[in-house]
Amino acid sequence: MPAMTMVYDVEDANEMKRLWPGDNIQAELVVQSGKAELQNIAVRGK
């Protein structure tokens, strides 16, 4: 299956500074009060 692109809010915008297009990431998707955001983002590969 080809890679997918999905748009999410993030808890801490500073985490985005170390991400680059093509990075393979793992994160926690937290949903509260109808709002979804990514937390604990980690790069797993390029």
C-alpha atoms as a PDB file:
ATOM      1  CA  MET A   1       0.000   0.000   0.000  1.00  0.00           C
ATOM      2  CA  PRO A   2       1.402   3.448  -0.822  1.00  0.00           C
ATOM      3  CA  ALA A   3       2.137   5.918   1.964  1.00  0.00           C
ATOM      4  CA  MET A   4      -0.754   8.028   3.210  1.00  0.00           C
ATOM      5  CA  THR A   5      -0.861  11.680   4.181  1.00  0.00           C
ATOM      6  CA  MET A   6      -3.149  12.747   7.007  1.00  0.00           C
ATOM      7  CA  VAL A   7      -3.537  16.139   8.678  1.00  0.00           C
ATOM      8  CA  TYR A   8      -3.668  16.382  12.482  1.00  0.00           C
ATOM      9  CA  ASP A   9      -3.182  19.091  15.084  1.00  0.00           C
ATOM     10  CA  VAL A  10      -0.199  18.563  17.374  1.00  0.00           C
ATOM     11  CA  GLU A  11       0.043  19.177  21.106  1.00  0.00           C
ATOM     12  CA  ASP A  12       3.451  20.888  20.860  1.00  0.00           C
ATOM     13  CA  ALA A  13       4.244  22.703  17.589  1.00  0.00           C
ATOM     14  CA  ASN A  14       7.966  22.604  18.443  1.00  0.00           C
ATOM     15  CA  GLU A  15       7.920  18.855  17.737  1.00  0.00           C
ATOM     16  CA  MET A  16       7.317  19.665  14.071  1.00  0.00           C
ATOM     17  CA  LYS A  17      10.692  21.433  13.726  1.00  0.00           C
ATOM     18  CA  ARG A  18      12.574  18.114  13.637  1.00  0.00           C
ATOM     19  CA  LEU A  19      10.317  16.416  11.071  1.00  0.00           C
ATOM     20  CA  TRP A  20      10.977  16.318   7.329  1.00  0.00           C
ATOM     21  CA  PRO A  21       8.899  15.173   4.342  1.00  0.00           C
ATOM     22  CA  GLY A  22       9.280  11.420   3.975  1.00  0.00           C
ATOM     23  CA  ASP A  23       9.880  10.736   7.690  1.00  0.00           C
ATOM     24  CA  ASN A  24       8.198   7.620   9.045  1.00  0.00           C
ATOM     25  CA  ILE A  25       6.731   8.615  12.417  1.00  0.00           C
ATOM     26  CA  GLN A  26       4.953   7.029  15.348  1.00  0.00           C
ATOM     27  CA  ALA A  27       2.704   9.092  17.619  1.00  0.00           C
ATOM     28  CA  GLU A  28      -0.190   8.855  20.017  1.00  0.00           C
ATOM     29  CA  LEU A  29      -3.525  10.078  18.669  1.00  0.00           C
ATOM     30  CA  VAL A  30      -5.418  11.622  21.585  1.00  0.00           C
ATOM     31  CA  VAL A  31      -9.122  12.434  21.209  1.00  0.00           C
ATOM     32  CA  GLN A  32     -10.845  14.550  23.847  1.00  0.00           C
ATOM     33  CA  SER A  33     -14.054  16.539  23.630  1.00  0.00           C
ATOM     34  CA  GLY A  34     -14.304  15.905  19.895  1.00  0.00           C
ATOM     35  CA  LYS A  35     -10.793  17.232  19.173  1.00  0.00           C
ATOM     36  CA  ALA A  36      -7.973  14.989  17.923  1.00  0.00           C
ATOM     37  CA  GLU A  37      -4.267  15.776  18.213  1.00  0.00           C
ATOM     38  CA  LEU A  38      -0.935  13.970  17.984  1.00  0.00           C
ATOM     39  CA  GLN A  39       1.301  13.681  21.029  1.00  0.00           C
ATOM     40  CA  ASN A  40       4.673  12.022  21.713  1.00  0.00           C
ATOM     41  CA  ILE A  41       5.849  12.108  18.092  1.00  0.00           C
ATOM     42  CA  ALA A  42       8.911   9.956  17.336  1.00  0.00           C
ATOM     43  CA  VAL A  43      10.763   9.499  14.026  1.00  0.00           C
ATOM     44  CA  ARG A  44      11.068   5.776  13.196  1.00  0.00           C
ATOM     45  CA  GLY A  45      12.781   6.018   9.813  1.00  0.00           C
ATOM     46  CA  LYS A  46      13.448   8.036   6.706  1.00  0.00           C
END
